[in-house]
Amino acid sequence: MAMTMSGEVELEASREAVWVKLNDPAVLKACIAGCEELEKTDDGGFRAVTKVKIGPVSARFRGRVMLSDLDPPNGYRISGEGEGGVAGFARGGATVRLCTRDTGTVLFYNVEAQVGGKLAQVGQRLINGAAKKLADEFFANFARTVQACEMASTPA
Protein backbone atom coordinates (compact mmCIF):
# COMPACT_ATOMS: atom_id res chain seq x y z
CA MET A 1 0.00 0.00 0.00
CA ALA A 2 1.46 3.37 -1.03
CA MET A 3 0.74 6.82 0.36
CA THR A 4 1.90 10.39 -0.11
CA MET A 5 1.86 13.46 2.13
CA SER A 6 3.13 16.99 1.88
CA GLY A 7 3.14 20.03 4.08
CA GLU A 8 5.08 22.88 5.53
CA VAL A 9 6.15 24.02 8.98
CA GLU A 10 7.16 27.56 9.99
CA LEU A 11 10.14 27.69 12.35
CA GLU A 12 11.38 30.75 14.21
CA ALA A 13 15.04 30.07 13.52
CA SER A 14 17.59 30.71 10.80
CA ARG A 15 17.80 28.27 7.90
CA GLU A 16 21.33 27.32 9.04
CA ALA A 17 20.12 26.53 12.59
CA VAL A 18 17.27 24.40 11.23
CA TRP A 19 19.70 22.57 8.93
CA VAL A 20 21.95 21.69 11.87
CA LYS A 21 18.99 20.29 13.84
CA LEU A 22 17.77 18.26 10.82
CA ASN A 23 21.13 16.48 10.81
CA ASP A 24 21.50 15.94 14.58
CA PRO A 25 20.70 12.33 15.59
CA ALA A 26 19.85 13.32 19.18
CA VAL A 27 17.32 15.92 17.99
CA LEU A 28 15.78 13.56 15.44
CA LYS A 29 15.53 10.71 17.97
CA ALA A 30 13.74 13.00 20.44
CA CYS A 31 11.28 14.12 17.73
CA ILE A 32 10.37 10.73 16.21
CA ALA A 33 7.48 9.10 18.09
CA GLY A 34 8.47 5.66 19.36
CA CYS A 35 12.14 6.02 18.36
CA GLU A 36 14.25 3.81 20.62
CA GLU A 37 17.59 4.12 18.82
CA LEU A 38 18.99 6.44 16.17
CA GLU A 39 22.69 6.33 15.44
CA LYS A 40 24.70 7.98 12.68
CA THR A 41 26.54 5.48 10.48
CA ASP A 42 29.90 5.83 8.76
CA ASP A 43 28.21 6.22 5.36
CA GLY A 44 26.40 9.41 6.47
CA GLY A 45 23.07 7.72 7.11
CA PHE A 46 21.40 6.45 10.26
CA ARG A 47 20.51 3.12 11.83
CA ALA A 48 17.16 3.23 13.61
CA VAL A 49 14.86 1.20 15.84
CA THR A 50 11.31 2.49 16.24
CA LYS A 51 8.28 0.99 17.95
CA VAL A 52 4.99 1.71 16.19
CA LYS A 53 1.37 0.74 16.91
CA ILE A 54 -1.22 1.19 14.20
CA GLY A 55 -4.64 -0.14 15.07
CA PRO A 56 -4.25 -3.71 16.31
CA VAL A 57 -0.73 -4.09 14.86
CA SER A 58 2.27 -3.25 17.03
CA ALA A 59 5.82 -3.75 15.84
CA ARG A 60 9.43 -2.77 16.39
CA PHE A 61 10.97 -1.70 13.10
CA ARG A 62 14.70 -1.94 12.53
CA GLY A 63 16.05 -0.14 9.53
CA ARG A 64 18.38 2.22 7.79
CA VAL A 65 17.93 5.81 6.72
CA MET A 66 20.07 7.47 4.04
CA LEU A 67 20.50 11.13 3.14
CA SER A 68 21.11 12.12 -0.48
CA ASP A 69 20.94 15.15 -2.76
CA LEU A 70 22.51 17.15 0.07
CA ASP A 71 22.29 20.90 -0.53
CA PRO A 72 23.26 22.55 2.79
CA PRO A 73 21.46 24.53 4.20
CA ASN A 74 18.67 24.28 1.61
CA GLY A 75 17.51 20.68 1.83
CA TYR A 76 18.00 17.01 1.08
CA ARG A 77 16.33 13.75 0.21
CA ILE A 78 15.87 11.25 3.01
CA SER A 79 15.00 7.63 2.27
CA GLY A 80 14.80 4.49 4.30
CA GLU A 81 13.33 1.12 4.90
CA GLY A 82 12.56 -0.96 7.93
CA GLU A 83 11.50 -4.49 8.77
CA GLY A 84 8.94 -5.15 11.46
CA GLY A 85 9.02 -8.95 11.49
CA VAL A 86 5.58 -10.51 11.03
CA ALA A 87 4.01 -7.02 11.07
CA GLY A 88 5.57 -6.32 7.69
CA PHE A 89 7.79 -3.64 6.22
CA ALA A 90 7.85 0.07 5.60
CA ARG A 91 9.92 2.00 3.09
CA GLY A 92 9.82 5.42 1.62
CA GLY A 93 11.43 8.78 1.27
CA ALA A 94 10.93 12.48 1.66
CA THR A 95 12.23 15.61 0.02
CA VAL A 96 12.89 18.36 2.56
CA ARG A 97 13.40 21.96 1.45
CA LEU A 98 14.19 24.97 3.65
CA CYS A 99 13.32 28.54 2.64
CA THR A 100 14.00 31.77 4.50
CA ARG A 101 11.01 33.93 5.45
CA ASP A 102 10.71 37.13 7.49
CA THR A 103 9.95 35.25 10.71
CA GLY A 104 12.58 32.53 10.22
CA THR A 105 12.49 29.41 8.07
CA VAL A 106 9.79 27.39 6.36
CA LEU A 107 10.39 23.66 6.05
CA PHE A 108 8.55 22.09 3.10
CA TYR A 109 8.24 18.31 2.86
CA ASN A 110 6.92 15.76 0.35
CA VAL A 111 6.73 12.17 1.57
CA GLU A 112 6.12 8.92 -0.28
CA ALA A 113 5.80 5.72 1.73
CA GLN A 114 4.87 2.10 1.20
CA VAL A 115 3.92 -0.54 3.75
CA GLY A 116 3.36 -4.25 3.35
CA GLY A 117 2.53 -7.33 5.37
CA LYS A 118 0.08 -7.32 8.30
CA LEU A 119 0.47 -3.57 8.54
CA ALA A 120 -1.03 -3.09 5.08
CA GLN A 121 -3.97 -5.32 5.98
CA VAL A 122 -5.31 -2.94 8.66
CA GLY A 123 -6.74 -0.70 5.96
CA GLN A 124 -5.68 2.31 3.96
CA ARG A 125 -7.69 4.88 5.95
CA LEU A 126 -6.18 3.69 9.23
CA ILE A 127 -2.66 3.63 7.76
CA ASN A 128 -3.01 7.09 6.16
CA GLY A 129 -4.40 8.54 9.39
CA ALA A 130 -1.59 7.04 11.46
CA ALA A 131 1.07 8.20 8.99
CA LYS A 132 -0.30 11.74 9.02
CA LYS A 133 -0.43 11.70 12.83
CA LEU A 134 3.19 10.51 13.04
CA ALA A 135 4.34 13.19 10.57
CA ASP A 136 2.39 15.90 12.41
CA GLU A 137 3.88 14.77 15.75
CA PHE A 138 7.40 14.77 14.33
CA PHE A 139 7.13 18.30 12.93
CA ALA A 140 5.42 19.65 16.07
CA ASN A 141 8.18 18.12 18.22
CA PHE A 142 10.84 19.40 15.83
CA ALA A 143 9.40 22.94 15.91
CA ARG A 144 9.35 22.90 19.75
CA THR A 145 12.94 21.63 19.86
CA VAL A 146 14.18 24.26 17.40
CA GLN A 147 12.34 27.01 19.30
CA ALA A 148 13.75 25.84 22.66
CA CYS A 149 17.29 25.80 21.24
CA GLU A 150 16.84 29.29 19.77
CA MET A 151 15.55 30.64 23.10
CA ALA A 152 18.44 29.01 24.98
CA SER A 153 21.00 30.60 22.65
CA THR A 154 19.47 34.10 22.85
CA PRO A 155 21.13 36.23 25.55
CA ALA A 156 18.77 37.47 28.27
C-alpha atoms as a PDB file:
ATOM      1  CA  MET A   1       0.000   0.000   0.000  1.00  0.00           C
ATOM      2  CA  ALA A   2       1.457   3.366  -1.032  1.00  0.00           C
ATOM      3  CA  MET A   3       0.735   6.820   0.356  1.00  0.00           C
ATOM      4  CA  THR A   4       1.901  10.389  -0.109  1.00  0.00           C
ATOM      5  CA  MET A   5       1.860  13.459   2.134  1.00  0.00           C
ATOM      6  CA  SER A   6       3.126  16.985   1.876  1.00  0.00           C
ATOM      7  CA  GLY A   7       3.141  20.028   4.081  1.00  0.00           C
ATOM      8  CA  GLU A   8       5.083  22.885   5.531  1.00  0.00           C
ATOM      9  CA  VAL A   9       6.147  24.024   8.984  1.00  0.00           C
ATOM     10  CA  GLU A  10       7.164  27.557   9.988  1.00  0.00           C
ATOM     11  CA  LEU A  11      10.135  27.686  12.352  1.00  0.00           C
ATOM     12  CA  GLU A  12      11.375  30.749  14.211  1.00  0.00           C
ATOM     13  CA  ALA A  13      15.039  30.072  13.518  1.00  0.00           C
ATOM     14  CA  SER A  14      17.588  30.707  10.799  1.00  0.00           C
ATOM     15  CA  ARG A  15      17.803  28.270   7.903  1.00  0.00           C
ATOM     16  CA  GLU A  16      21.328  27.322   9.039  1.00  0.00           C
ATOM     17  CA  ALA A  17      20.123  26.531  12.588  1.00  0.00           C
ATOM     18  CA  VAL A  18      17.270  24.402  11.233  1.00  0.00           C
ATOM     19  CA  TRP A  19      19.698  22.568   8.929  1.00  0.00           C
ATOM     20  CA  VAL A  20      21.950  21.690  11.865  1.00  0.00           C
ATOM     21  CA  LYS A  21      18.990  20.289  13.843  1.00  0.00           C
ATOM     22  CA  LEU A  22      17.772  18.263  10.821  1.00  0.00           C
ATOM     23  CA  ASN A  23      21.131  16.481  10.811  1.00  0.00           C
ATOM     24  CA  ASP A  24      21.502  15.944  14.577  1.00  0.00           C
ATOM     25  CA  PRO A  25      20.701  12.332  15.586  1.00  0.00           C
ATOM     26  CA  ALA A  26      19.850  13.325  19.179  1.00  0.00           C
ATOM     27  CA  VAL A  27      17.320  15.920  17.989  1.00  0.00           C
ATOM     28  CA  LEU A  28      15.779  13.561  15.440  1.00  0.00           C
ATOM     29  CA  LYS A  29      15.529  10.707  17.972  1.00  0.00           C
ATOM     30  CA  ALA A  30      13.738  12.997  20.439  1.00  0.00           C
ATOM     31  CA  CYS A  31      11.282  14.124  17.731  1.00  0.00           C
ATOM     32  CA  ILE A  32      10.373  10.732  16.212  1.00  0.00           C
ATOM     33  CA  ALA A  33       7.483   9.102  18.093  1.00  0.00           C
ATOM     34  CA  GLY A  34       8.473   5.662  19.364  1.00  0.00           C
ATOM     35  CA  CYS A  35      12.136   6.016  18.362  1.00  0.00           C
ATOM     36  CA  GLU A  36      14.251   3.814  20.622  1.00  0.00           C
ATOM     37  CA  GLU A  37      17.595   4.119  18.816  1.00  0.00           C
ATOM     38  CA  LEU A  38      18.986   6.438  16.166  1.00  0.00           C
ATOM     39  CA  GLU A  39      22.685   6.334  15.437  1.00  0.00           C
ATOM     40  CA  LYS A  40      24.701   7.976  12.682  1.00  0.00           C
ATOM     41  CA  THR A  41      26.539   5.476  10.482  1.00  0.00           C
ATOM     42  CA  ASP A  42      29.903   5.833   8.757  1.00  0.00           C
ATOM     43  CA  ASP A  43      28.212   6.225   5.363  1.00  0.00           C
ATOM     44  CA  GLY A  44      26.396   9.408   6.470  1.00  0.00           C
ATOM     45  CA  GLY A  45      23.073   7.718   7.107  1.00  0.00           C
ATOM     46  CA  PHE A  46      21.402   6.451  10.264  1.00  0.00           C
ATOM     47  CA  ARG A  47      20.514   3.122  11.834  1.00  0.00           C
ATOM     48  CA  ALA A  48      17.157   3.232  13.608  1.00  0.00           C
ATOM     49  CA  VAL A  49      14.857   1.200  15.839  1.00  0.00           C
ATOM     50  CA  THR A  50      11.307   2.493  16.242  1.00  0.00           C
ATOM     51  CA  LYS A  51       8.275   0.991  17.952  1.00  0.00           C
ATOM     52  CA  VAL A  52       4.985   1.707  16.186  1.00  0.00           C
ATOM     53  CA  LYS A  53       1.373   0.737  16.913  1.00  0.00           C
ATOM     54  CA  ILE A  54      -1.223   1.187  14.197  1.00  0.00           C
ATOM     55  CA  GLY A  55      -4.643  -0.140  15.065  1.00  0.00           C
ATOM     56  CA  PRO A  56      -4.252  -3.708  16.308  1.00  0.00           C
ATOM     57  CA  VAL A  57      -0.725  -4.088  14.861  1.00  0.00           C
ATOM     58  CA  SER A  58       2.273  -3.250  17.028  1.00  0.00           C
ATOM     59  CA  ALA A  59       5.824  -3.751  15.838  1.00  0.00           C
ATOM     60  CA  ARG A  60       9.425  -2.775  16.388  1.00  0.00           C
ATOM     61  CA  PHE A  61      10.966  -1.705  13.099  1.00  0.00           C
ATOM     62  CA  ARG A  62      14.704  -1.938  12.526  1.00  0.00           C
ATOM     63  CA  GLY A  63      16.046  -0.140   9.530  1.00  0.00           C
ATOM     64  CA  ARG A  64      18.383   2.223   7.791  1.00  0.00           C
ATOM     65  CA  VAL A  65      17.932   5.813   6.715  1.00  0.00           C
ATOM     66  CA  MET A  66      20.068   7.471   4.041  1.00  0.00           C
ATOM     67  CA  LEU A  67      20.499  11.125   3.140  1.00  0.00           C
ATOM     68  CA  SER A  68      21.111  12.122  -0.484  1.00  0.00           C
ATOM     69  CA  ASP A  69      20.938  15.153  -2.764  1.00  0.00           C
ATOM     70  CA  LEU A  70      22.507  17.151   0.074  1.00  0.00           C
ATOM     71  CA  ASP A  71      22.294  20.898  -0.531  1.00  0.00           C
ATOM     72  CA  PRO A  72      23.262  22.545   2.795  1.00  0.00           C
ATOM     73  CA  PRO A  73      21.460  24.526   4.200  1.00  0.00           C
ATOM     74  CA  ASN A  74      18.671  24.279   1.612  1.00  0.00           C
ATOM     75  CA  GLY A  75      17.512  20.681   1.834  1.00  0.00           C
ATOM     76  CA  TYR A  76      18.001  17.012   1.076  1.00  0.00           C
ATOM     77  CA  ARG A  77      16.326  13.754   0.206  1.00  0.00           C
ATOM     78  CA  ILE A  78      15.865  11.248   3.011  1.00  0.00           C
ATOM     79  CA  SER A  79      14.999   7.627   2.266  1.00  0.00           C
ATOM     80  CA  GLY A  80      14.802   4.489   4.303  1.00  0.00           C
ATOM     81  CA  GLU A  81      13.331   1.121   4.904  1.00  0.00           C
ATOM     82  CA  GLY A  82      12.561  -0.965   7.933  1.00  0.00           C
ATOM     83  CA  GLU A  83      11.503  -4.494   8.769  1.00  0.00           C
ATOM     84  CA  GLY A  84       8.940  -5.148  11.463  1.00  0.00           C
ATOM     85  CA  GLY A  85       9.022  -8.951  11.491  1.00  0.00           C
ATOM     86  CA  VAL A  86       5.583 -10.514  11.030  1.00  0.00           C
ATOM     87  CA  ALA A  87       4.009  -7.023  11.067  1.00  0.00           C
ATOM     88  CA  GLY A  88       5.575  -6.322   7.686  1.00  0.00           C
ATOM     89  CA  PHE A  89       7.787  -3.642   6.224  1.00  0.00           C
ATOM     90  CA  ALA A  90       7.855   0.067   5.601  1.00  0.00           C
ATOM     91  CA  ARG A  91       9.919   2.001   3.090  1.00  0.00           C
ATOM     92  CA  GLY A  92       9.825   5.420   1.620  1.00  0.00           C
ATOM     93  CA  GLY A  93      11.426   8.776   1.270  1.00  0.00           C
ATOM     94  CA  ALA A  94      10.935  12.482   1.655  1.00  0.00           C
ATOM     95  CA  THR A  95      12.227  15.609   0.024  1.00  0.00           C
ATOM     96  CA  VAL A  96      12.894  18.361   2.560  1.00  0.00           C
ATOM     97  CA  ARG A  97      13.404  21.956   1.447  1.00  0.00           C
ATOM     98  CA  LEU A  98      14.194  24.967   3.653  1.00  0.00           C
ATOM     99  CA  CYS A  99      13.319  28.544   2.644  1.00  0.00           C
ATOM    100  CA  THR A 100      14.004  31.765   4.503  1.00  0.00           C
ATOM    101  CA  ARG A 101      11.012  33.931   5.446  1.00  0.00           C
ATOM    102  CA  ASP A 102      10.709  37.128   7.486  1.00  0.00           C
ATOM    103  CA  THR A 103       9.950  35.248  10.707  1.00  0.00           C
ATOM    104  CA  GLY A 104      12.576  32.530  10.221  1.00  0.00           C
ATOM    105  CA  THR A 105      12.487  29.415   8.073  1.00  0.00           C
ATOM    106  CA  VAL A 106       9.788  27.386   6.356  1.00  0.00           C
ATOM    107  CA  LEU A 107      10.389  23.657   6.052  1.00  0.00           C
ATOM    108  CA  PHE A 108       8.547  22.092   3.095  1.00  0.00           C
ATOM    109  CA  TYR A 109       8.237  18.312   2.860  1.00  0.00           C
ATOM    110  CA  ASN A 110       6.921  15.763   0.350  1.00  0.00           C
ATOM    111  CA  VAL A 111       6.731  12.169   1.574  1.00  0.00           C
ATOM    112  CA  GLU A 112       6.120   8.922  -0.282  1.00  0.00           C
ATOM    113  CA  ALA A 113       5.800   5.716   1.733  1.00  0.00           C
ATOM    114  CA  GLN A 114       4.874   2.103   1.196  1.00  0.00           C
ATOM    115  CA  VAL A 115       3.920  -0.539   3.754  1.00  0.00           C
ATOM    116  CA  GLY A 116       3.358  -4.251   3.349  1.00  0.00           C
ATOM    117  CA  GLY A 117       2.527  -7.333   5.370  1.00  0.00           C
ATOM    118  CA  LYS A 118       0.075  -7.324   8.297  1.00  0.00           C
ATOM    119  CA  LEU A 119       0.465  -3.573   8.536  1.00  0.00           C
ATOM    120  CA  ALA A 120      -1.026  -3.094   5.079  1.00  0.00           C
ATOM    121  CA  GLN A 121      -3.969  -5.323   5.984  1.00  0.00           C
ATOM    122  CA  VAL A 122      -5.313  -2.945   8.662  1.00  0.00           C
ATOM    123  CA  GLY A 123      -6.739  -0.702   5.958  1.00  0.00           C
ATOM    124  CA  GLN A 124      -5.681   2.312   3.958  1.00  0.00           C
ATOM    125  CA  ARG A 125      -7.691   4.877   5.951  1.00  0.00           C
ATOM    126  CA  LEU A 126      -6.180   3.695   9.230  1.00  0.00           C
ATOM    127  CA  ILE A 127      -2.656   3.629   7.760  1.00  0.00           C
ATOM    128  CA  ASN A 128      -3.007   7.087   6.161  1.00  0.00           C
ATOM    129  CA  GLY A 129      -4.398   8.543   9.390  1.00  0.00           C
ATOM    130  CA  ALA A 130      -1.587   7.035  11.458  1.00  0.00           C
ATOM    131  CA  ALA A 131       1.074   8.196   8.990  1.00  0.00           C
ATOM    132  CA  LYS A 132      -0.297  11.744   9.015  1.00  0.00           C
ATOM    133  CA  LYS A 133      -0.434  11.701  12.827  1.00  0.00           C
ATOM    134  CA  LEU A 134       3.194  10.509  13.039  1.00  0.00           C
ATOM    135  CA  ALA A 135       4.338  13.189  10.568  1.00  0.00           C
ATOM    136  CA  ASP A 136       2.395  15.903  12.414  1.00  0.00           C
ATOM    137  CA  GLU A 137       3.876  14.772  15.753  1.00  0.00           C
ATOM    138  CA  PHE A 138       7.399  14.768  14.327  1.00  0.00           C
ATOM    139  CA  PHE A 139       7.127  18.298  12.928  1.00  0.00           C
ATOM    140  CA  ALA A 140       5.424  19.650  16.070  1.00  0.00           C
ATOM    141  CA  ASN A 141       8.184  18.118  18.218  1.00  0.00           C
ATOM    142  CA  PHE A 142      10.845  19.404  15.828  1.00  0.00           C
ATOM    143  CA  ALA A 143       9.403  22.941  15.909  1.00  0.00           C
ATOM    144  CA  ARG A 144       9.352  22.901  19.748  1.00  0.00           C
ATOM    145  CA  THR A 145      12.940  21.634  19.855  1.00  0.00           C
ATOM    146  CA  VAL A 146      14.183  24.263  17.403  1.00  0.00           C
ATOM    147  CA  GLN A 147      12.337  27.008  19.299  1.00  0.00           C
ATOM    148  CA  ALA A 148      13.754  25.839  22.658  1.00  0.00           C
ATOM    149  CA  CYS A 149      17.289  25.802  21.238  1.00  0.00           C
ATOM    150  CA  GLU A 150      16.838  29.285  19.768  1.00  0.00           C
ATOM    151  CA  MET A 151      15.549  30.637  23.098  1.00  0.00           C
ATOM    152  CA  ALA A 152      18.435  29.007  24.979  1.00  0.00           C
ATOM    153  CA  SER A 153      20.998  30.595  22.648  1.00  0.00           C
ATOM    154  CA  THR A 154      19.470  34.105  22.849  1.00  0.00           C
ATOM    155  CA  PRO A 155      21.132  36.232  25.545  1.00  0.00           C
ATOM    156  CA  ALA A 156      18.773  37.473  28.269  1.00  0.00           C
END
